[in-house]
Amino acid sequence: MDITERQWLGILAYTPRFTAILQEARREIAETGGIPHDEFWHQVDAEYEAGENVHVPGLHAGQAQMSDDFDQLLPDEFWNGAP
């Protein structure tokens, strides 16, 4: 499943790292009158390339199936390490 740009921006909007970048951009706007559009997105890209992956809720929804015996107890062989 491909993430659209709109979905990606929606995901970013709720991450602390993006919020921090946005707050810094707002501060710079207030102090200097602006931050170039390209510079803002460069900061976002640099921050996310250097850091951890972003969790996307529901990204792979429906792509895994549980077996019918999922709730059954595992056999003793499993716990005893027998092949």
N, C-alpha and C. Protein backbone atom coordinates (compact mmCIF):
# COMPACT_ATOMS: atom_id res chain seq x y z
N MET A 1 0.84 -1.17 0.00
CA MET A 1 0.00 0.00 0.00
C MET A 1 0.89 1.23 0.00
N ASP A 2 0.70 2.08 -0.96
CA ASP A 2 1.48 3.30 -1.04
C ASP A 2 0.82 4.38 -0.19
N ILE A 3 1.65 5.18 0.45
CA ILE A 3 1.15 6.30 1.24
C ILE A 3 1.13 7.53 0.36
N THR A 4 0.00 8.20 0.31
CA THR A 4 -0.08 9.43 -0.47
C THR A 4 0.61 10.55 0.29
N GLU A 5 0.92 11.61 -0.41
CA GLU A 5 1.56 12.75 0.24
C GLU A 5 0.67 13.31 1.34
N ARG A 6 -0.62 13.35 1.11
CA ARG A 6 -1.55 13.86 2.13
C ARG A 6 -1.52 12.98 3.38
N GLN A 7 -1.50 11.64 3.19
CA GLN A 7 -1.42 10.74 4.34
C GLN A 7 -0.11 10.94 5.10
N TRP A 8 0.99 11.08 4.35
CA TRP A 8 2.29 11.28 4.97
C TRP A 8 2.30 12.55 5.81
N LEU A 9 1.74 13.63 5.27
CA LEU A 9 1.69 14.88 6.02
C LEU A 9 0.81 14.74 7.25
N GLY A 10 -0.26 13.98 7.13
CA GLY A 10 -1.11 13.73 8.29
C GLY A 10 -0.38 12.97 9.38
N ILE A 11 0.46 12.02 8.98
CA ILE A 11 1.26 11.26 9.94
C ILE A 11 2.30 12.17 10.59
N LEU A 12 2.98 12.95 9.78
CA LEU A 12 4.01 13.85 10.31
C LEU A 12 3.44 14.85 11.31
N ALA A 13 2.23 15.32 11.07
CA ALA A 13 1.64 16.35 11.90
C ALA A 13 1.54 15.94 13.36
N TYR A 14 1.53 14.65 13.64
CA TYR A 14 1.37 14.17 15.02
C TYR A 14 2.66 13.65 15.65
N THR A 15 3.78 13.81 14.99
CA THR A 15 5.03 13.33 15.56
C THR A 15 5.74 14.47 16.31
N PRO A 16 6.34 14.16 17.45
CA PRO A 16 7.03 15.19 18.22
C PRO A 16 8.16 15.86 17.44
N ARG A 17 8.86 15.11 16.62
CA ARG A 17 9.99 15.68 15.88
C ARG A 17 9.50 16.71 14.87
N PHE A 18 8.42 16.39 14.16
CA PHE A 18 7.88 17.33 13.19
C PHE A 18 7.34 18.57 13.91
N THR A 19 6.68 18.36 15.04
CA THR A 19 6.15 19.47 15.81
C THR A 19 7.27 20.40 16.25
N ALA A 20 8.40 19.84 16.66
CA ALA A 20 9.55 20.66 17.07
C ALA A 20 10.08 21.48 15.90
N ILE A 21 10.18 20.86 14.72
CA ILE A 21 10.64 21.58 13.53
C ILE A 21 9.67 22.70 13.20
N LEU A 22 8.38 22.41 13.28
CA LEU A 22 7.36 23.40 12.98
C LEU A 22 7.42 24.56 13.97
N GLN A 23 7.61 24.27 15.24
CA GLN A 23 7.72 25.33 16.25
C GLN A 23 8.95 26.21 15.99
N GLU A 24 10.05 25.58 15.61
CA GLU A 24 11.26 26.35 15.28
C GLU A 24 11.02 27.24 14.07
N ALA A 25 10.31 26.72 13.08
CA ALA A 25 9.99 27.52 11.88
C ALA A 25 9.09 28.69 12.26
N ARG A 26 8.12 28.45 13.12
CA ARG A 26 7.24 29.54 13.58
C ARG A 26 8.03 30.61 14.33
N ARG A 27 8.99 30.16 15.16
CA ARG A 27 9.83 31.12 15.88
C ARG A 27 10.63 31.96 14.90
N GLU A 28 11.20 31.31 13.90
CA GLU A 28 12.00 32.03 12.92
C GLU A 28 11.14 33.00 12.12
N ILE A 29 9.91 32.61 11.81
CA ILE A 29 9.00 33.51 11.10
C ILE A 29 8.72 34.74 11.95
N ALA A 30 8.48 34.52 13.24
CA ALA A 30 8.18 35.63 14.13
C ALA A 30 9.38 36.57 14.28
N GLU A 31 10.59 36.01 14.31
CA GLU A 31 11.78 36.82 14.54
C GLU A 31 12.32 37.46 13.27
N THR A 32 12.27 36.75 12.15
CA THR A 32 12.93 37.25 10.94
C THR A 32 11.97 37.55 9.80
N GLY A 33 10.73 37.14 9.96
CA GLY A 33 9.76 37.39 8.90
C GLY A 33 9.56 36.22 7.97
N GLY A 34 10.31 35.13 8.18
CA GLY A 34 10.03 33.98 7.33
C GLY A 34 11.13 32.95 7.29
N ILE A 35 10.78 31.82 6.74
CA ILE A 35 11.72 30.74 6.47
C ILE A 35 11.37 30.25 5.06
N PRO A 36 12.34 30.12 4.20
CA PRO A 36 12.05 29.66 2.84
C PRO A 36 11.41 28.27 2.85
N HIS A 37 10.46 28.07 1.98
CA HIS A 37 9.74 26.80 1.86
C HIS A 37 10.70 25.63 1.72
N ASP A 38 11.65 25.75 0.82
CA ASP A 38 12.60 24.67 0.59
C ASP A 38 13.44 24.37 1.82
N GLU A 39 13.80 25.40 2.57
CA GLU A 39 14.59 25.21 3.78
C GLU A 39 13.79 24.43 4.82
N PHE A 40 12.51 24.77 4.96
CA PHE A 40 11.66 24.06 5.92
C PHE A 40 11.63 22.57 5.60
N TRP A 41 11.37 22.21 4.34
CA TRP A 41 11.27 20.80 3.97
C TRP A 41 12.63 20.12 4.01
N HIS A 42 13.70 20.87 3.78
CA HIS A 42 15.05 20.31 3.93
C HIS A 42 15.26 19.89 5.38
N GLN A 43 14.83 20.73 6.33
CA GLN A 43 14.96 20.40 7.76
C GLN A 43 14.15 19.15 8.10
N VAL A 44 12.94 19.08 7.57
CA VAL A 44 12.09 17.91 7.82
C VAL A 44 12.75 16.65 7.28
N ASP A 45 13.20 16.69 6.03
CA ASP A 45 13.84 15.53 5.41
C ASP A 45 15.09 15.11 6.20
N ALA A 46 15.92 16.07 6.57
CA ALA A 46 17.15 15.76 7.29
C ALA A 46 16.84 15.12 8.64
N GLU A 47 15.84 15.61 9.32
CA GLU A 47 15.48 15.07 10.63
C GLU A 47 15.00 13.63 10.53
N TYR A 48 14.19 13.34 9.54
CA TYR A 48 13.63 12.00 9.42
C TYR A 48 14.58 11.01 8.77
N GLU A 49 15.51 11.47 7.97
CA GLU A 49 16.50 10.56 7.40
C GLU A 49 17.47 10.12 8.48
N ALA A 50 17.74 10.98 9.45
CA ALA A 50 18.71 10.68 10.49
C ALA A 50 18.12 9.88 11.64
N GLY A 51 16.81 9.85 11.76
CA GLY A 51 16.20 9.26 12.94
C GLY A 51 15.49 7.95 12.68
N GLU A 52 14.67 7.62 13.66
CA GLU A 52 13.94 6.36 13.64
C GLU A 52 12.78 6.40 12.64
N ASN A 53 12.27 5.24 12.33
CA ASN A 53 11.15 5.14 11.40
C ASN A 53 9.88 5.65 12.05
N VAL A 54 8.99 6.12 11.25
CA VAL A 54 7.70 6.58 11.71
C VAL A 54 6.73 5.42 11.64
N HIS A 55 6.02 5.17 12.73
CA HIS A 55 5.01 4.11 12.74
C HIS A 55 3.76 4.63 12.05
N VAL A 56 3.24 3.85 11.12
CA VAL A 56 2.05 4.23 10.38
C VAL A 56 0.91 3.28 10.77
N PRO A 57 0.01 3.72 11.66
CA PRO A 57 -1.08 2.84 12.07
C PRO A 57 -1.91 2.39 10.86
N GLY A 58 -2.19 1.11 10.80
CA GLY A 58 -3.03 0.57 9.74
C GLY A 58 -2.36 0.42 8.39
N LEU A 59 -1.07 0.65 8.31
CA LEU A 59 -0.38 0.60 7.02
C LEU A 59 -0.54 -0.76 6.33
N HIS A 60 -0.45 -1.82 7.09
CA HIS A 60 -0.54 -3.17 6.52
C HIS A 60 -1.82 -3.88 6.97
N ALA A 61 -2.85 -3.13 7.24
CA ALA A 61 -4.11 -3.71 7.70
C ALA A 61 -4.64 -4.71 6.69
N GLY A 62 -5.05 -5.87 7.18
CA GLY A 62 -5.62 -6.89 6.32
C GLY A 62 -4.62 -7.71 5.53
N GLN A 63 -3.33 -7.49 5.73
CA GLN A 63 -2.33 -8.21 4.94
C GLN A 63 -1.76 -9.43 5.67
N ALA A 64 -2.25 -9.70 6.87
CA ALA A 64 -1.82 -10.88 7.61
C ALA A 64 -3.06 -11.66 8.03
N GLN A 65 -2.91 -12.97 8.12
CA GLN A 65 -4.03 -13.81 8.54
C GLN A 65 -3.60 -14.68 9.70
N MET A 66 -4.49 -14.81 10.68
CA MET A 66 -4.24 -15.66 11.82
C MET A 66 -4.73 -17.06 11.50
N SER A 67 -4.00 -18.07 11.93
CA SER A 67 -4.44 -19.44 11.68
C SER A 67 -5.65 -19.77 12.55
N ASP A 68 -6.41 -20.76 12.13
CA ASP A 68 -7.60 -21.16 12.87
C ASP A 68 -7.28 -21.67 14.26
N ASP A 69 -6.08 -22.22 14.45
CA ASP A 69 -5.71 -22.76 15.76
C ASP A 69 -4.88 -21.78 16.60
N PHE A 70 -4.97 -20.52 16.31
CA PHE A 70 -4.16 -19.51 17.00
C PHE A 70 -4.34 -19.56 18.52
N ASP A 71 -5.56 -19.78 18.99
CA ASP A 71 -5.84 -19.77 20.42
C ASP A 71 -5.55 -21.11 21.11
N GLN A 72 -5.14 -22.10 20.37
CA GLN A 72 -4.87 -23.42 20.94
C GLN A 72 -3.52 -23.41 21.67
N LEU A 73 -3.40 -24.26 22.67
CA LEU A 73 -2.14 -24.40 23.39
C LEU A 73 -1.09 -24.99 22.46
N LEU A 74 0.15 -24.56 22.67
CA LEU A 74 1.25 -25.13 21.90
C LEU A 74 1.60 -26.50 22.47
N PRO A 75 2.03 -27.43 21.62
CA PRO A 75 2.35 -28.78 22.10
C PRO A 75 3.58 -28.77 23.00
N ASP A 76 3.69 -29.81 23.82
CA ASP A 76 4.84 -29.93 24.73
C ASP A 76 6.16 -29.92 23.98
N GLU A 77 6.16 -30.49 22.76
CA GLU A 77 7.39 -30.52 21.97
C GLU A 77 7.93 -29.11 21.72
N PHE A 78 7.02 -28.18 21.56
CA PHE A 78 7.44 -26.80 21.35
C PHE A 78 8.18 -26.26 22.56
N TRP A 79 7.62 -26.49 23.75
CA TRP A 79 8.20 -25.95 24.98
C TRP A 79 9.45 -26.71 25.40
N ASN A 80 9.54 -27.97 25.06
CA ASN A 80 10.69 -28.79 25.46
C ASN A 80 11.84 -28.71 24.48
N GLY A 81 11.64 -28.05 23.37
CA GLY A 81 12.69 -27.89 22.39
C GLY A 81 12.89 -29.10 21.50
N ALA A 82 11.95 -30.05 21.53
CA ALA A 82 12.07 -31.23 20.68
C ALA A 82 11.72 -30.86 19.24
N PRO A 83 12.39 -31.45 18.28
CA PRO A 83 12.10 -31.15 16.88
C PRO A 83 10.75 -31.65 16.42
